[in-house]
């Protein structure tokens, strides 16, 4: 008997946590993850695989104007499963692409794109994506510098103040997101995405200020 592919429900959290703890946390606590965009494969009453569409910064403009007709609204997708059920991820992929088509139909005048981040040596999955009409676009560069060695001292000029920024108030979070928009063609994280990263144990932000306004950050 085949698996039942359906949307995520809160009761699925425990099952999802067994094969991907980060999926479980995102589905419960990251407001950008909507049940309509999350799919689960259920066998014998147990969720054994899941996949989702996650909106990127560009999706802020789906429901409002501000970009021309060539602008691309991007979603990322991902899937995972318990050992031995990886074949169900292909069924989830089909449901995810169907959902992307539904979103596109809701915004007929806007361009929708889905993508996936994978390792450069995951040749099997790369071949699968290429066979489905995907193409390569981005690379991630890994820092080689030994961070156990001291950093060089740099002079602080032009009235710029550097500080560790906790962004504890809503007003500070708004400043951060607006600075990101100003620096990245109007795109920024959503408030939900910022809150998601801030609650992570590895989150830290160092920011440059000029006239009490953030002008650059390193997260």
Protein backbone atom coordinates (compact mmCIF):
# COMPACT_ATOMS: atom_id res chain seq x y z
CA UNK A 1 0.00 0.00 0.00
CA UNK A 2 1.36 3.43 -0.94
CA UNK A 3 1.96 6.30 1.42
CA UNK A 4 -0.67 8.93 2.05
CA UNK A 5 0.71 12.33 0.97
CA UNK A 6 -1.03 15.16 2.83
CA UNK A 7 -0.45 18.55 4.38
CA UNK A 8 1.36 18.87 7.71
CA UNK A 9 -0.63 18.92 10.94
CA UNK A 10 0.60 19.92 14.43
CA UNK A 11 0.26 16.31 15.61
CA UNK A 12 3.00 15.33 13.13
CA UNK A 13 5.73 17.19 15.05
CA UNK A 14 7.00 14.17 16.98
CA UNK A 15 7.28 11.99 13.87
CA UNK A 16 9.06 14.70 11.87
CA UNK A 17 11.54 15.25 14.71
CA UNK A 18 12.66 11.64 14.43
CA UNK A 19 14.17 12.16 10.98
CA UNK A 20 14.83 15.92 10.84
CA UNK A 21 14.89 17.95 14.03
CA UNK A 22 15.34 21.28 12.21
CA UNK A 23 12.30 20.60 10.02
CA UNK A 24 10.34 19.95 13.20
CA UNK A 25 11.44 23.24 14.77
CA UNK A 26 10.80 25.24 11.61
CA UNK A 27 7.32 23.81 11.14
CA UNK A 28 6.42 24.70 14.72
CA UNK A 29 8.18 27.99 15.33
CA UNK A 30 9.09 29.69 12.04
CA UNK A 31 6.09 31.71 10.88
CA UNK A 32 7.25 31.61 7.25
CA UNK A 33 6.42 27.89 7.08
CA UNK A 34 2.73 27.53 6.28
CA UNK A 35 0.84 24.19 6.49
CA UNK A 36 -0.37 24.65 2.91
CA UNK A 37 3.29 24.56 1.81
CA UNK A 38 4.33 21.55 3.92
CA UNK A 39 3.65 17.96 2.88
CA UNK A 40 4.02 14.71 4.81
CA UNK A 41 4.20 11.09 3.67
CA UNK A 42 2.29 8.90 6.12
CA UNK A 43 2.61 5.11 6.36
CA UNK A 44 0.60 3.06 8.86
CA UNK A 45 -0.34 6.17 10.82
CA UNK A 46 3.23 7.44 11.03
CA UNK A 47 4.87 10.32 9.14
CA UNK A 48 8.04 8.93 7.57
CA UNK A 49 8.98 11.80 5.22
CA UNK A 50 8.23 15.46 4.75
CA UNK A 51 8.98 18.33 2.40
CA UNK A 52 8.15 21.99 2.09
CA UNK A 53 8.32 25.25 0.20
CA UNK A 54 10.01 28.08 2.12
CA UNK A 55 9.54 31.68 0.92
CA UNK A 56 12.68 33.77 0.48
CA UNK A 57 13.12 37.52 0.96
CA UNK A 58 11.70 38.16 -2.51
CA UNK A 59 8.27 36.79 -1.58
CA UNK A 60 7.45 39.95 0.35
CA UNK A 61 6.48 41.40 -3.02
CA UNK A 62 3.96 38.71 -3.91
CA UNK A 63 1.16 40.58 -2.17
CA UNK A 64 2.24 44.11 -2.94
CA UNK A 65 3.73 46.13 -5.76
CA UNK A 66 7.20 47.60 -5.97
CA UNK A 67 8.93 45.37 -8.52
CA UNK A 68 8.74 45.22 -12.28
CA UNK A 69 7.32 42.30 -14.27
CA UNK A 70 10.76 40.67 -14.66
CA UNK A 71 11.27 40.36 -10.90
CA UNK A 72 11.46 36.76 -9.63
CA UNK A 73 9.73 35.67 -6.43
CA UNK A 74 11.75 32.72 -5.14
CA UNK A 75 10.86 29.75 -2.94
CA UNK A 76 13.27 27.08 -1.68
CA UNK A 77 12.18 23.48 -1.27
CA UNK A 78 13.63 20.63 0.77
CA UNK A 79 12.69 17.05 1.66
CA UNK A 80 13.85 14.41 4.12
CA UNK A 81 12.79 10.97 5.35
CA UNK A 82 13.56 8.13 7.72
CA UNK A 83 16.05 5.52 6.54
CA UNK A 84 14.56 3.31 3.85
CA UNK A 85 11.85 5.77 2.81
CA UNK A 86 13.89 8.13 0.67
CA UNK A 87 11.89 7.04 -2.41
CA UNK A 88 8.91 8.87 -0.93
CA UNK A 89 10.80 12.13 -1.29
CA UNK A 90 10.17 11.94 -5.04
CA UNK A 91 6.42 11.79 -4.35
CA UNK A 92 6.80 14.78 -2.05
CA UNK A 93 8.73 16.60 -4.76
CA UNK A 94 5.78 16.17 -7.12
CA UNK A 95 3.37 17.57 -4.55
CA UNK A 96 5.70 20.48 -3.84
CA UNK A 97 5.93 21.38 -7.52
CA UNK A 98 2.15 21.09 -7.82
CA UNK A 99 1.84 23.51 -4.90
CA UNK A 100 4.25 25.91 -6.60
CA UNK A 101 2.02 25.83 -9.67
CA UNK A 102 -0.99 26.65 -7.48
CA UNK A 103 0.85 29.65 -6.06
CA UNK A 104 1.72 30.76 -9.58
CA UNK A 105 -1.95 30.56 -10.57
CA UNK A 106 -2.78 32.88 -7.67
CA UNK A 107 -0.31 35.44 -9.02
CA UNK A 108 -0.61 35.09 -12.82
CA UNK A 109 1.22 38.35 -13.51
CA UNK A 110 4.24 37.51 -11.36
CA UNK A 111 7.21 35.22 -11.92
CA UNK A 112 7.59 32.34 -9.43
CA UNK A 113 10.77 30.28 -9.09
CA UNK A 114 11.62 27.31 -6.86
CA UNK A 115 15.13 26.19 -6.01
CA UNK A 116 17.08 23.83 -3.80
CA UNK A 117 20.42 24.14 -2.04
CA UNK A 118 22.57 21.02 -2.22
CA UNK A 119 26.19 19.96 -1.84
CA UNK A 120 28.44 20.29 -4.87
CA UNK A 121 29.26 16.56 -4.70
CA UNK A 122 25.69 15.26 -4.35
CA UNK A 123 25.80 14.11 -7.97
CA UNK A 124 22.73 11.86 -7.78
CA UNK A 125 20.45 14.65 -6.61
CA UNK A 126 22.03 17.18 -8.96
CA UNK A 127 21.31 14.80 -11.86
CA UNK A 128 17.71 14.47 -10.62
CA UNK A 129 17.24 18.23 -10.48
CA UNK A 130 18.76 18.74 -13.92
CA UNK A 131 16.42 16.07 -15.30
CA UNK A 132 13.49 18.08 -13.90
CA UNK A 133 14.51 21.28 -15.67
CA UNK A 134 16.52 22.94 -12.92
CA UNK A 135 19.76 24.79 -13.63
CA UNK A 136 22.78 25.83 -11.55
CA UNK A 137 22.82 29.44 -10.34
CA UNK A 138 24.61 30.09 -7.03
CA UNK A 139 27.78 29.01 -5.22
CA UNK A 140 28.66 29.23 -1.54
CA UNK A 141 32.25 30.20 -0.73
CA UNK A 142 33.79 28.74 2.44
CA UNK A 143 36.22 30.87 4.46
CA UNK A 144 39.71 29.40 4.66
CA UNK A 145 41.09 31.85 7.24
CA UNK A 146 42.09 30.34 10.59
CA UNK A 147 39.74 32.09 13.02
CA UNK A 148 41.80 30.95 16.01
CA UNK A 149 44.38 33.55 14.95
CA UNK A 150 43.93 37.20 16.00
CA UNK A 151 42.27 39.54 13.55
CA UNK A 152 44.20 42.63 12.41
CA UNK A 153 43.45 45.91 14.13
CA UNK A 154 41.65 48.35 11.84
CA UNK A 155 41.31 52.07 12.35
CA UNK A 156 37.83 53.38 13.01
CA UNK A 157 37.14 56.48 10.96
CA UNK A 158 34.35 58.57 9.43
CA UNK A 159 32.38 58.55 12.66
CA UNK A 160 31.48 54.85 12.34
CA UNK A 161 30.71 52.94 15.53
CA UNK A 162 31.11 49.16 15.61
CA UNK A 163 29.22 47.18 18.23
CA UNK A 164 27.63 43.86 19.05
CA UNK A 165 23.92 44.37 18.49
CA UNK A 166 21.33 42.27 20.31
CA UNK A 167 18.32 43.94 18.64
CA UNK A 168 16.13 43.45 21.69
CA UNK A 169 13.34 45.89 20.76
CA UNK A 170 10.89 45.79 17.88
CA UNK A 171 12.15 49.21 16.76
CA UNK A 172 15.72 47.87 16.51
CA UNK A 173 14.54 44.87 14.51
CA UNK A 174 12.76 47.26 12.17
CA UNK A 175 15.96 49.27 11.71
CA UNK A 176 17.88 46.09 10.89
CA UNK A 177 15.36 44.90 8.30
CA UNK A 178 15.09 48.35 6.72
CA UNK A 179 18.89 48.58 6.45
CA UNK A 180 18.88 45.20 4.72
CA UNK A 181 16.26 46.45 2.26
CA UNK A 182 18.30 49.57 1.57
CA UNK A 183 21.35 47.45 0.80
CA UNK A 184 19.72 44.62 -1.16
CA UNK A 185 17.38 46.14 -3.74
CA UNK A 186 14.43 46.33 -1.37
CA UNK A 187 14.68 42.72 -0.15
CA UNK A 188 15.05 41.67 3.46
CA UNK A 189 14.30 38.78 5.77
CA UNK A 190 10.77 38.60 7.09
CA UNK A 191 10.19 39.29 10.78
CA UNK A 192 9.48 35.57 11.21
CA UNK A 193 12.83 34.62 9.66
CA UNK A 194 14.71 37.13 11.82
CA UNK A 195 13.02 35.78 14.96
CA UNK A 196 13.85 32.22 13.87
CA UNK A 197 17.57 32.98 13.56
CA UNK A 198 17.69 35.10 16.72
CA UNK A 199 16.47 32.15 18.78
CA UNK A 200 19.30 29.96 17.52
CA UNK A 201 22.21 29.34 19.88
CA UNK A 202 24.75 30.43 17.23
CA UNK A 203 23.10 33.76 16.40
CA UNK A 204 25.23 36.88 16.84
CA UNK A 205 25.32 40.22 15.06
CA UNK A 206 28.07 42.82 14.78
CA UNK A 207 26.90 46.07 13.22
CA UNK A 208 28.41 49.32 12.00
CA UNK A 209 26.45 52.48 12.82
CA UNK A 210 26.70 56.00 11.45
CA UNK A 211 24.62 58.73 13.08
CA UNK A 212 22.91 55.97 15.08
CA UNK A 213 21.72 54.24 11.90
CA UNK A 214 22.89 50.70 10.95
CA UNK A 215 24.88 50.74 7.71
CA UNK A 216 26.40 47.25 7.66
CA UNK A 217 26.10 44.00 9.62
CA UNK A 218 27.90 40.69 9.92
CA UNK A 219 25.68 37.88 11.27
